[in-house]
Structures are given as structure tokens and as C-alpha cells.
Amino acid sequence: MVFENIVDPLVVETIVLREAIQWCQNLGIPQVRFEGDAKVLIDKINDRNAQDSRVGAIIQEIMCLLALSSGFRVRFVGRISNRVAHSVARKALSLSPAACRMYDFRA
């Protein structure tokens, strides 16, 4: 999956979270705490409020996926607490496109 034509950060964050949840389910991981600094997204998921037309359908998918895995939680963390993720993102941006490959783990 390539996100190069998506310019809305909320849409990208939502799609990436859905993919991460699916990936962990496919691997059979029983408990995962997904943390993110996209407060709007995390609040919508935890409040079960998927009214945003840009991401509403994807949030509904996420909520269904979470209902299937009782050990999965989604939690907001501020940017200061999320330094590792931002370091990885900065490093990824510095890599050449050839070095950044997206793999589809869903067989």
C-alpha cells in the first residue's frame, strides 16, 4: 500500500492504524497497546465516534477489528512521549524511495 497521493494526515494516520491492527491480528499477537499522538483519531476511536466523513468508514473498520481482539487497546500519547516514533519517521524520510518498501503482510 502506497500513501504518496494522500495529503490529509488524519487519513494517513487512520489507514496506518488499521493496517497495524490487521497485521498484529494476522500474526496472532494476543495483546497490543497501539499508541499515537493523533489525538483527534484516538478520541474518535475510543469514544466510538466515527462521524468524520474523511475517515468515518475506516474508523468503523478499526472499531470492528478491535472488537475481535479483546487484548488490543488504542491510547493517546503526547508527542514528547512519542519520541521514538518521530525519530523513526525522520529517518524514513531521509531514505531513498528504493530503500523504503511497503510490504503487504496480508497473504
PDB file of N, CA and C in Angstrom:
ATOM      1  N   MET A   1       0.845  -1.162   0.000  1.00  0.00           N
ATOM      2  CA  MET A   1       0.000   0.000   0.000  1.00  0.00           C
ATOM      3  C   MET A   1       0.894   1.230   0.000  1.00  0.00           C
ATOM      4  N   VAL A   2       0.636   2.157  -0.901  1.00  0.00           N
ATOM      5  CA  VAL A   2       1.436   3.373  -1.016  1.00  0.00           C
ATOM      6  C   VAL A   2       0.554   4.564  -0.685  1.00  0.00           C
ATOM      7  N   PHE A   3       1.079   5.496   0.089  1.00  0.00           N
ATOM      8  CA  PHE A   3       0.310   6.644   0.534  1.00  0.00           C
ATOM      9  C   PHE A   3       0.768   7.946  -0.122  1.00  0.00           C
ATOM     10  N   GLU A   4       1.479   7.875  -1.211  1.00  0.00           N
ATOM     11  CA  GLU A   4       2.094   9.079  -1.778  1.00  0.00           C
ATOM     12  C   GLU A   4       1.090  10.119  -2.256  1.00  0.00           C
ATOM     13  N   ASN A   5      -0.125   9.735  -2.619  1.00  0.00           N
ATOM     14  CA  ASN A   5      -1.098  10.696  -3.124  1.00  0.00           C
ATOM     15  C   ASN A   5      -2.066  11.187  -2.060  1.00  0.00           C
ATOM     16  N   ILE A   6      -1.915  10.748  -0.834  1.00  0.00           N
ATOM     17  CA  ILE A   6      -2.791  11.182   0.249  1.00  0.00           C
ATOM     18  C   ILE A   6      -2.108  12.330   0.978  1.00  0.00           C
ATOM     19  N   VAL A   7      -2.793  13.462   1.032  1.00  0.00           N
ATOM     20  CA  VAL A   7      -2.183  14.640   1.644  1.00  0.00           C
ATOM     21  C   VAL A   7      -2.771  14.961   3.015  1.00  0.00           C
ATOM     22  N   ASP A   8      -3.863  14.321   3.400  1.00  0.00           N
ATOM     23  CA  ASP A   8      -4.502  14.593   4.685  1.00  0.00           C
ATOM     24  C   ASP A   8      -3.875  13.694   5.752  1.00  0.00           C
ATOM     25  N   PRO A   9      -3.173  14.287   6.726  1.00  0.00           N
ATOM     26  CA  PRO A   9      -2.505  13.479   7.750  1.00  0.00           C
ATOM     27  C   PRO A   9      -3.467  12.583   8.532  1.00  0.00           C
ATOM     28  N   LEU A  10      -4.685  13.037   8.796  1.00  0.00           N
ATOM     29  CA  LEU A  10      -5.653  12.226   9.532  1.00  0.00           C
ATOM     30  C   LEU A  10      -6.003  10.963   8.756  1.00  0.00           C
ATOM     31  N   VAL A  11      -6.149  11.088   7.448  1.00  0.00           N
ATOM     32  CA  VAL A  11      -6.463   9.920   6.612  1.00  0.00           C
ATOM     33  C   VAL A  11      -5.308   8.925   6.663  1.00  0.00           C
ATOM     34  N   VAL A  12      -4.097   9.415   6.528  1.00  0.00           N
ATOM     35  CA  VAL A  12      -2.922   8.531   6.547  1.00  0.00           C
ATOM     36  C   VAL A  12      -2.799   7.848   7.908  1.00  0.00           C
ATOM     37  N   GLU A  13      -2.917   8.610   8.999  1.00  0.00           N
ATOM     38  CA  GLU A  13      -2.817   8.022  10.343  1.00  0.00           C
ATOM     39  C   GLU A  13      -3.874   6.939  10.544  1.00  0.00           C
ATOM     40  N   THR A  14      -5.086   7.181  10.050  1.00  0.00           N
ATOM     41  CA  THR A  14      -6.180   6.233  10.220  1.00  0.00           C
ATOM     42  C   THR A  14      -5.916   4.950   9.444  1.00  0.00           C
ATOM     43  N   ILE A  15      -5.475   5.093   8.207  1.00  0.00           N
ATOM     44  CA  ILE A  15      -5.171   3.913   7.382  1.00  0.00           C
ATOM     45  C   ILE A  15      -4.023   3.115   7.988  1.00  0.00           C
ATOM     46  N   VAL A  16      -2.994   3.790   8.437  1.00  0.00           N
ATOM     47  CA  VAL A  16      -1.837   3.101   9.017  1.00  0.00           C
ATOM     48  C   VAL A  16      -2.229   2.348  10.288  1.00  0.00           C
ATOM     49  N   LEU A  17      -3.076   2.947  11.125  1.00  0.00           N
ATOM     50  CA  LEU A  17      -3.520   2.254  12.331  1.00  0.00           C
ATOM     51  C   LEU A  17      -4.316   1.006  11.972  1.00  0.00           C
ATOM     52  N   ARG A  18      -5.211   1.132  10.998  1.00  0.00           N
ATOM     53  CA  ARG A  18      -5.985  -0.046  10.576  1.00  0.00           C
ATOM     54  C   ARG A  18      -5.061  -1.156  10.088  1.00  0.00           C
ATOM     55  N   GLU A  19      -4.071  -0.797   9.281  1.00  0.00           N
ATOM     56  CA  GLU A  19      -3.127  -1.792   8.764  1.00  0.00           C
ATOM     57  C   GLU A  19      -2.322  -2.436   9.894  1.00  0.00           C
ATOM     58  N   ALA A  20      -1.924  -1.637  10.887  1.00  0.00           N
ATOM     59  CA  ALA A  20      -1.150  -2.178  12.015  1.00  0.00           C
ATOM     60  C   ALA A  20      -1.982  -3.164  12.822  1.00  0.00           C
ATOM     61  N   ILE A  21      -3.255  -2.829  13.036  1.00  0.00           N
ATOM     62  CA  ILE A  21      -4.134  -3.735  13.775  1.00  0.00           C
ATOM     63  C   ILE A  21      -4.302  -5.045  13.008  1.00  0.00           C
ATOM     64  N   GLN A  22      -4.562  -4.947  11.711  1.00  0.00           N
ATOM     65  CA  GLN A  22      -4.728  -6.150  10.894  1.00  0.00           C
ATOM     66  C   GLN A  22      -3.458  -6.992  10.895  1.00  0.00           C
ATOM     67  N   TRP A  23      -2.323  -6.348  10.809  1.00  0.00           N
ATOM     68  CA  TRP A  23      -1.040  -7.042  10.781  1.00  0.00           C
ATOM     69  C   TRP A  23      -0.838  -7.829  12.077  1.00  0.00           C
ATOM     70  N   CYS A  24      -1.111  -7.181  13.213  1.00  0.00           N
ATOM     71  CA  CYS A  24      -0.949  -7.864  14.506  1.00  0.00           C
ATOM     72  C   CYS A  24      -1.938  -9.014  14.649  1.00  0.00           C
ATOM     73  N   GLN A  25      -3.164  -8.829  14.169  1.00  0.00           N
ATOM     74  CA  GLN A  25      -4.139  -9.921  14.209  1.00  0.00           C
ATOM     75  C   GLN A  25      -3.676 -11.090  13.349  1.00  0.00           C
ATOM     76  N   ASN A  26      -3.187 -10.788  12.157  1.00  0.00           N
ATOM     77  CA  ASN A  26      -2.720 -11.844  11.257  1.00  0.00           C
ATOM     78  C   ASN A  26      -1.541 -12.618  11.851  1.00  0.00           C
ATOM     79  N   LEU A  27      -0.730 -11.953  12.645  1.00  0.00           N
ATOM     80  CA  LEU A  27       0.398 -12.610  13.291  1.00  0.00           C
ATOM     81  C   LEU A  27      -0.030 -13.372  14.540  1.00  0.00           C
ATOM     82  N   GLY A  28      -1.272 -13.185  14.968  1.00  0.00           N
ATOM     83  CA  GLY A  28      -1.779 -13.888  16.136  1.00  0.00           C
ATOM     84  C   GLY A  28      -1.301 -13.329  17.462  1.00  0.00           C
ATOM     85  N   ILE A  29      -0.924 -12.072  17.473  1.00  0.00           N
ATOM     86  CA  ILE A  29      -0.474 -11.442  18.713  1.00  0.00           C
ATOM     87  C   ILE A  29      -1.706 -11.167  19.580  1.00  0.00           C
ATOM     88  N   PRO A  30      -1.728 -11.668  20.812  1.00  0.00           N
ATOM     89  CA  PRO A  30      -2.951 -11.560  21.622  1.00  0.00           C
ATOM     90  C   PRO A  30      -3.178 -10.207  22.286  1.00  0.00           C
ATOM     91  N   GLN A  31      -2.105  -9.495  22.627  1.00  0.00           N
ATOM     92  CA  GLN A  31      -2.260  -8.214  23.311  1.00  0.00           C
ATOM     93  C   GLN A  31      -1.330  -7.183  22.701  1.00  0.00           C
ATOM     94  N   VAL A  32      -1.921  -6.028  22.355  1.00  0.00           N
ATOM     95  CA  VAL A  32      -1.133  -4.932  21.790  1.00  0.00           C
ATOM     96  C   VAL A  32      -1.714  -3.624  22.296  1.00  0.00           C
ATOM     97  N   ARG A  33      -0.845  -2.716  22.673  1.00  0.00           N
ATOM     98  CA  ARG A  33      -1.269  -1.364  23.005  1.00  0.00           C
ATOM     99  C   ARG A  33      -0.737  -0.459  21.898  1.00  0.00           C
ATOM    100  N   PHE A  34      -1.641   0.022  21.074  1.00  0.00           N
ATOM    101  CA  PHE A  34      -1.290   0.938  19.993  1.00  0.00           C
ATOM    102  C   PHE A  34      -1.295   2.338  20.579  1.00  0.00           C
ATOM    103  N   GLU A  35      -0.191   3.042  20.419  1.00  0.00           N
ATOM    104  CA  GLU A  35      -0.084   4.400  20.947  1.00  0.00           C
ATOM    105  C   GLU A  35       0.150   5.357  19.796  1.00  0.00           C
ATOM    106  N   GLY A  36      -0.471   6.518  19.895  1.00  0.00           N
ATOM    107  CA  GLY A  36      -0.284   7.508  18.849  1.00  0.00           C
ATOM    108  C   GLY A  36      -0.527   8.910  19.358  1.00  0.00           C
ATOM    109  N   ASP A  37      -0.016   9.881  18.628  1.00  0.00           N
ATOM    110  CA  ASP A  37      -0.189  11.276  19.025  1.00  0.00           C
ATOM    111  C   ASP A  37      -1.223  12.000  18.162  1.00  0.00           C
ATOM    112  N   ALA A  38      -1.988  11.256  17.393  1.00  0.00           N
ATOM    113  CA  ALA A  38      -3.077  11.841  16.597  1.00  0.00           C
ATOM    114  C   ALA A  38      -4.327  11.856  17.479  1.00  0.00           C
ATOM    115  N   LYS A  39      -4.423  12.878  18.336  1.00  0.00           N
ATOM    116  CA  LYS A  39      -5.472  12.938  19.349  1.00  0.00           C
ATOM    117  C   LYS A  39      -6.871  12.858  18.754  1.00  0.00           C
ATOM    118  N   VAL A  40      -7.109  13.533  17.659  1.00  0.00           N
ATOM    119  CA  VAL A  40      -8.433  13.508  17.031  1.00  0.00           C
ATOM    120  C   VAL A  40      -8.815  12.072  16.680  1.00  0.00           C
ATOM    121  N   LEU A  41      -7.891  11.343  16.083  1.00  0.00           N
ATOM    122  CA  LEU A  41      -8.151   9.955  15.693  1.00  0.00           C
ATOM    123  C   LEU A  41      -8.382   9.067  16.915  1.00  0.00           C
ATOM    124  N   ILE A  42      -7.494   9.139  17.884  1.00  0.00           N
ATOM    125  CA  ILE A  42      -7.597   8.289  19.072  1.00  0.00           C
ATOM    126  C   ILE A  42      -8.906   8.571  19.815  1.00  0.00           C
ATOM    127  N   ASP A  43      -9.266   9.846  19.926  1.00  0.00           N
ATOM    128  CA  ASP A  43     -10.518  10.198  20.599  1.00  0.00           C
ATOM    129  C   ASP A  43     -11.725   9.629  19.860  1.00  0.00           C
ATOM    130  N   LYS A  44     -11.718   9.699  18.541  1.00  0.00           N
ATOM    131  CA  LYS A  44     -12.834   9.160  17.753  1.00  0.00           C
ATOM    132  C   LYS A  44     -12.976   7.654  17.958  1.00  0.00           C
ATOM    133  N   ILE A  45     -11.860   6.959  18.008  1.00  0.00           N
ATOM    134  CA  ILE A  45     -11.897   5.503  18.187  1.00  0.00           C
ATOM    135  C   ILE A  45     -12.368   5.146  19.600  1.00  0.00           C
ATOM    136  N   ASN A  46     -11.796   5.778  20.600  1.00  0.00           N
ATOM    137  CA  ASN A  46     -12.132   5.443  21.981  1.00  0.00           C
ATOM    138  C   ASN A  46     -13.524   5.918  22.390  1.00  0.00           C
ATOM    139  N   ASP A  47     -14.012   6.982  21.747  1.00  0.00           N
ATOM    140  CA  ASP A  47     -15.363   7.466  22.041  1.00  0.00           C
ATOM    141  C   ASP A  47     -16.399   6.820  21.125  1.00  0.00           C
ATOM    142  N   ARG A  48     -15.916   5.956  20.228  1.00  0.00           N
ATOM    143  CA  ARG A  48     -16.782   5.291  19.252  1.00  0.00           C
ATOM    144  C   ARG A  48     -17.572   6.310  18.429  1.00  0.00           C
ATOM    145  N   ASN A  49     -16.861   7.360  18.011  1.00  0.00           N
ATOM    146  CA  ASN A  49     -17.473   8.444  17.259  1.00  0.00           C
ATOM    147  C   ASN A  49     -16.801   8.535  15.892  1.00  0.00           C
ATOM    148  N   ALA A  50     -17.405   7.914  14.903  1.00  0.00           N
ATOM    149  CA  ALA A  50     -16.804   7.861  13.568  1.00  0.00           C
ATOM    150  C   ALA A  50     -17.552   8.761  12.589  1.00  0.00           C
ATOM    151  N   GLN A  51     -17.936   9.948  13.027  1.00  0.00           N
ATOM    152  CA  GLN A  51     -18.749  10.829  12.199  1.00  0.00           C
ATOM    153  C   GLN A  51     -17.949  11.603  11.148  1.00  0.00           C
ATOM    154  N   ASP A  52     -16.644  11.630  11.256  1.00  0.00           N
ATOM    155  CA  ASP A  52     -15.816  12.364  10.301  1.00  0.00           C
ATOM    156  C   ASP A  52     -15.911  11.697   8.933  1.00  0.00           C
ATOM    157  N   SER A  53     -16.422  12.420   7.945  1.00  0.00           N
ATOM    158  CA  SER A  53     -16.644  11.815   6.626  1.00  0.00           C
ATOM    159  C   SER A  53     -15.348  11.391   5.944  1.00  0.00           C
ATOM    160  N   ARG A  54     -14.237  12.038   6.283  1.00  0.00           N
ATOM    161  CA  ARG A  54     -12.963  11.678   5.657  1.00  0.00           C
ATOM    162  C   ARG A  54     -12.493  10.303   6.087  1.00  0.00           C
ATOM    163  N   VAL A  55     -12.744   9.954   7.343  1.00  0.00           N
ATOM    164  CA  VAL A  55     -12.200   8.709   7.884  1.00  0.00           C
ATOM    165  C   VAL A  55     -13.246   7.851   8.591  1.00  0.00           C
ATOM    166  N   GLY A  56     -14.483   8.229   8.533  1.00  0.00           N
ATOM    167  CA  GLY A  56     -15.534   7.522   9.269  1.00  0.00           C
ATOM    168  C   GLY A  56     -15.603   6.045   8.956  1.00  0.00           C
ATOM    169  N   ALA A  57     -15.555   5.685   7.698  1.00  0.00           N
ATOM    170  CA  ALA A  57     -15.656   4.269   7.314  1.00  0.00           C
ATOM    171  C   ALA A  57     -14.443   3.484   7.812  1.00  0.00           C
ATOM    172  N   ILE A  58     -13.275   4.086   7.761  1.00  0.00           N
ATOM    173  CA  ILE A  58     -12.061   3.400   8.214  1.00  0.00           C
ATOM    174  C   ILE A  58     -12.097   3.240   9.735  1.00  0.00           C
ATOM    175  N   ILE A  59     -12.585   4.254  10.437  1.00  0.00           N
ATOM    176  CA  ILE A  59     -12.698   4.160  11.893  1.00  0.00           C
ATOM    177  C   ILE A  59     -13.683   3.055  12.265  1.00  0.00           C
ATOM    178  N   GLN A  60     -14.759   2.925  11.513  1.00  0.00           N
ATOM    179  CA  GLN A  60     -15.705   1.838  11.764  1.00  0.00           C
ATOM    180  C   GLN A  60     -15.005   0.486  11.614  1.00  0.00           C
ATOM    181  N   GLU A  61     -14.158   0.352  10.577  1.00  0.00           N
ATOM    182  CA  GLU A  61     -13.380  -0.883  10.395  1.00  0.00           C
ATOM    183  C   GLU A  61     -12.470  -1.132  11.590  1.00  0.00           C
ATOM    184  N   ILE A  62     -11.803  -0.078  12.053  1.00  0.00           N
ATOM    185  CA  ILE A  62     -10.898  -0.196  13.197  1.00  0.00           C
ATOM    186  C   ILE A  62     -11.661  -0.666  14.424  1.00  0.00           C
ATOM    187  N   MET A  63     -12.830  -0.081  14.671  1.00  0.00           N
ATOM    188  CA  MET A  63     -13.615  -0.471  15.841  1.00  0.00           C
ATOM    189  C   MET A  63     -14.061  -1.931  15.740  1.00  0.00           C
ATOM    190  N   CYS A  64     -14.397  -2.385  14.547  1.00  0.00           N
ATOM    191  CA  CYS A  64     -14.757  -3.803  14.360  1.00  0.00           C
ATOM    192  C   CYS A  64     -13.555  -4.704  14.608  1.00  0.00           C
ATOM    193  N   LEU A  65     -12.394  -4.308  14.101  1.00  0.00           N
ATOM    194  CA  LEU A  65     -11.179  -5.093  14.322  1.00  0.00           C
ATOM    195  C   LEU A  65     -10.831  -5.163  15.811  1.00  0.00           C
ATOM    196  N   LEU A  66     -10.967  -4.038  16.503  1.00  0.00           N
ATOM    197  CA  LEU A  66     -10.666  -4.014  17.933  1.00  0.00           C
ATOM    198  C   LEU A  66     -11.643  -4.889  18.712  1.00  0.00           C
ATOM    199  N   ALA A  67     -12.887  -4.948  18.264  1.00  0.00           N
ATOM    200  CA  ALA A  67     -13.887  -5.785  18.931  1.00  0.00           C
ATOM    201  C   ALA A  67     -13.528  -7.272  18.803  1.00  0.00           C
ATOM    202  N   LEU A  68     -12.813  -7.625  17.747  1.00  0.00           N
ATOM    203  CA  LEU A  68     -12.402  -9.013  17.536  1.00  0.00           C
ATOM    204  C   LEU A  68     -11.209  -9.415  18.396  1.00  0.00           C
ATOM    205  N   SER A  69     -10.465  -8.433  18.886  1.00  0.00           N
ATOM    206  CA  SER A  69      -9.249  -8.701  19.667  1.00  0.00           C
ATOM    207  C   SER A  69      -9.353  -7.983  21.003  1.00  0.00           C
ATOM    208  N   SER A  70      -9.826  -8.674  22.007  1.00  0.00           N
ATOM    209  CA  SER A  70     -10.067  -8.045  23.309  1.00  0.00           C
ATOM    210  C   SER A  70      -8.789  -7.540  23.979  1.00  0.00           C
ATOM    211  N   GLY A  71      -7.644  -8.024  23.560  1.00  0.00           N
ATOM    212  CA  GLY A  71      -6.384  -7.592  24.158  1.00  0.00           C
ATOM    213  C   GLY A  71      -5.763  -6.387  23.474  1.00  0.00           C
ATOM    214  N   PHE A  72      -6.441  -5.811  22.496  1.00  0.00           N
ATOM    215  CA  PHE A  72      -5.908  -4.651  21.777  1.00  0.00           C
ATOM    216  C   PHE A  72      -6.494  -3.371  22.368  1.00  0.00           C
ATOM    217  N   ARG A  73      -5.631  -2.378  22.591  1.00  0.00           N
ATOM    218  CA  ARG A  73      -6.043  -1.076  23.115  1.00  0.00           C
ATOM    219  C   ARG A  73      -5.399   0.018  22.261  1.00  0.00           C
ATOM    220  N   VAL A  74      -6.113   1.129  22.157  1.00  0.00           N
ATOM    221  CA  VAL A  74      -5.596   2.300  21.450  1.00  0.00           C
ATOM    222  C   VAL A  74      -5.526   3.428  22.466  1.00  0.00           C
ATOM    223  N   ARG A  75      -4.361   4.069  22.557  1.00  0.00           N
ATOM    224  CA  ARG A  75      -4.138   5.071  23.602  1.00  0.00           C
ATOM    225  C   ARG A  75      -3.421   6.278  23.022  1.00  0.00           C
ATOM    226  N   PHE A  76      -3.826   7.443  23.469  1.00  0.00           N
ATOM    227  CA  PHE A  76      -3.163   8.681  23.070  1.00  0.00           C
ATOM    228  C   PHE A  76      -1.929   8.902  23.924  1.00  0.00           C
ATOM    229  N   VAL A  77      -0.848   9.278  23.266  1.00  0.00           N
ATOM    230  CA  VAL A  77       0.356   9.741  23.963  1.00  0.00           C
ATOM    231  C   VAL A  77       0.795  11.030  23.290  1.00  0.00           C
ATOM    232  N   GLY A  78       1.238  11.974  24.083  1.00  0.00           N
ATOM    233  CA  GLY A  78       1.698  13.246  23.529  1.00  0.00           C
ATOM    234  C   GLY A  78       2.975  13.083  22.727  1.00  0.00           C
ATOM    235  N   ARG A  79       3.277  14.065  21.939  1.00  0.00           N
ATOM    236  CA  ARG A  79       4.474  13.990  21.088  1.00  0.00           C
ATOM    237  C   ARG A  79       5.751  13.808  21.888  1.00  0.00           C
ATOM    238  N   ILE A  80       5.810  14.394  23.056  1.00  0.00           N
ATOM    239  CA  ILE A  80       7.020  14.258  23.877  1.00  0.00           C
ATOM    240  C   ILE A  80       7.227  12.792  24.246  1.00  0.00           C
ATOM    241  N   SER A  81       6.147  12.081  24.526  1.00  0.00           N
ATOM    242  CA  SER A  81       6.239  10.662  24.886  1.00  0.00           C
ATOM    243  C   SER A  81       6.457   9.770  23.672  1.00  0.00           C
ATOM    244  N   ASN A  82       6.315  10.335  22.497  1.00  0.00           N
ATOM    245  CA  ASN A  82       6.355   9.559  21.265  1.00  0.00           C
ATOM    246  C   ASN A  82       7.637   9.838  20.470  1.00  0.00           C
ATOM    247  N   ARG A  83       8.728  10.122  21.161  1.00  0.00           N
ATOM    248  CA  ARG A  83       9.988  10.478  20.503  1.00  0.00           C
ATOM    249  C   ARG A  83      10.532   9.379  19.589  1.00  0.00           C
ATOM    250  N   VAL A  84      10.400   8.135  20.001  1.00  0.00           N
ATOM    251  CA  VAL A  84      10.937   7.031  19.198  1.00  0.00           C
ATOM    252  C   VAL A  84      10.249   6.999  17.834  1.00  0.00           C
ATOM    253  N   ALA A  85       8.932   7.102  17.826  1.00  0.00           N
ATOM    254  CA  ALA A  85       8.191   7.076  16.560  1.00  0.00           C
ATOM    255  C   ALA A  85       8.610   8.230  15.661  1.00  0.00           C
ATOM    256  N   HIS A  86       8.802   9.402  16.235  1.00  0.00           N
ATOM    257  CA  HIS A  86       9.205  10.546  15.421  1.00  0.00           C
ATOM    258  C   HIS A  86      10.637  10.398  14.906  1.00  0.00           C
ATOM    259  N   SER A  87      11.502   9.780  15.681  1.00  0.00           N
ATOM    260  CA  SER A  87      12.866   9.518  15.215  1.00  0.00           C
ATOM    261  C   SER A  87      12.856   8.559  14.031  1.00  0.00           C
ATOM    262  N   VAL A  88      12.038   7.512  14.128  1.00  0.00           N
ATOM    263  CA  VAL A  88      11.921   6.552  13.030  1.00  0.00           C
ATOM    264  C   VAL A  88      11.347   7.229  11.789  1.00  0.00           C
ATOM    265  N   ALA A  89      10.327   8.067  11.976  1.00  0.00           N
ATOM    266  CA  ALA A  89       9.718   8.765  10.836  1.00  0.00           C
ATOM    267  C   ALA A  89      10.727   9.688  10.163  1.00  0.00           C
ATOM    268  N   ARG A  90      11.513  10.421  10.954  1.00  0.00           N
ATOM    269  CA  ARG A  90      12.536  11.302  10.368  1.00  0.00           C
ATOM    270  C   ARG A  90      13.566  10.504   9.577  1.00  0.00           C
ATOM    271  N   LYS A  91      13.968   9.361  10.123  1.00  0.00           N
ATOM    272  CA  LYS A  91      14.938   8.511   9.429  1.00  0.00           C
ATOM    273  C   LYS A  91      14.347   7.999   8.121  1.00  0.00           C
ATOM    274  N   ALA A  92      13.084   7.584   8.148  1.00  0.00           N
ATOM    275  CA  ALA A  92      12.433   7.080   6.934  1.00  0.00           C
ATOM    276  C   ALA A  92      12.374   8.155   5.863  1.00  0.00           C
ATOM    277  N   LEU A  93      12.124   9.398   6.262  1.00  0.00           N
ATOM    278  CA  LEU A  93      12.059  10.487   5.291  1.00  0.00           C
ATOM    279  C   LEU A  93      13.413  10.746   4.637  1.00  0.00           C
ATOM    280  N   SER A  94      14.488  10.399   5.336  1.00  0.00           N
ATOM    281  CA  SER A  94      15.822  10.644   4.784  1.00  0.00           C
ATOM    282  C   SER A  94      16.279   9.539   3.831  1.00  0.00           C
ATOM    283  N   LEU A  95      15.553   8.423   3.790  1.00  0.00           N
ATOM    284  CA  LEU A  95      15.937   7.308   2.929  1.00  0.00           C
ATOM    285  C   LEU A  95      15.468   7.538   1.497  1.00  0.00           C
ATOM    286  N   SER A  96      16.134   6.907   0.570  1.00  0.00           N
ATOM    287  CA  SER A  96      15.719   6.995  -0.823  1.00  0.00           C
ATOM    288  C   SER A  96      14.437   6.174  -1.014  1.00  0.00           C
ATOM    289  N   PRO A  97      13.626   6.497  -2.037  1.00  0.00           N
ATOM    290  CA  PRO A  97      12.406   5.714  -2.280  1.00  0.00           C
ATOM    291  C   PRO A  97      12.696   4.225  -2.467  1.00  0.00           C
ATOM    292  N   ALA A  98      13.837   3.894  -3.056  1.00  0.00           N
ATOM    293  CA  ALA A  98      14.177   2.487  -3.275  1.00  0.00           C
ATOM    294  C   ALA A  98      14.408   1.766  -1.952  1.00  0.00           C
ATOM    295  N   ALA A  99      14.859   2.502  -0.946  1.00  0.00           N
ATOM    296  CA  ALA A  99      15.123   1.891   0.352  1.00  0.00           C
ATOM    297  C   ALA A  99      13.852   1.719   1.183  1.00  0.00           C
ATOM    298  N   CYS A 100      12.806   2.436   0.819  1.00  0.00           N
ATOM    299  CA  CYS A 100      11.532   2.376   1.560  1.00  0.00           C
ATOM    300  C   CYS A 100      10.564   1.486   0.802  1.00  0.00           C
ATOM    301  N   ARG A 101      10.413   0.283   1.236  1.00  0.00           N
ATOM    302  CA  ARG A 101       9.488  -0.650   0.577  1.00  0.00           C
ATOM    303  C   ARG A 101       8.313  -0.903   1.505  1.00  0.00           C
ATOM    304  N   MET A 102       7.148  -0.918   0.907  1.00  0.00           N
ATOM    305  CA  MET A 102       5.942  -1.261   1.663  1.00  0.00           C
ATOM    306  C   MET A 102       5.624  -2.717   1.361  1.00  0.00           C
ATOM    307  N   TYR A 103       5.486  -3.524   2.372  1.00  0.00           N
ATOM    308  CA  TYR A 103       5.162  -4.926   2.190  1.00  0.00           C
ATOM    309  C   TYR A 103       3.724  -5.167   2.579  1.00  0.00           C
ATOM    310  N   ASP A 104       3.050  -6.007   1.828  1.00  0.00           N
ATOM    311  CA  ASP A 104       1.695  -6.391   2.171  1.00  0.00           C
ATOM    312  C   ASP A 104       1.772  -7.714   2.917  1.00  0.00           C
ATOM    313  N   PHE A 105       1.575  -7.673   4.237  1.00  0.00           N
ATOM    314  CA  PHE A 105       1.716  -8.856   5.072  1.00  0.00           C
ATOM    315  C   PHE A 105       0.440  -9.692   5.068  1.00  0.00           C
ATOM    316  N   ARG A 106      -0.593  -9.189   4.427  1.00  0.00           N
ATOM    317  CA  ARG A 106      -1.837  -9.960   4.356  1.00  0.00           C
ATOM    318  C   ARG A 106      -1.739 -10.916   3.181  1.00  0.00           C
ATOM    319  N   ALA A 107      -1.554 -12.177   3.454  1.00  0.00           N
ATOM    320  CA  ALA A 107      -1.358 -13.180   2.390  1.00  0.00           C
ATOM    321  C   ALA A 107      -2.578 -13.358   1.530  1.00  0.00           C
TER     322      ALA A 107
END
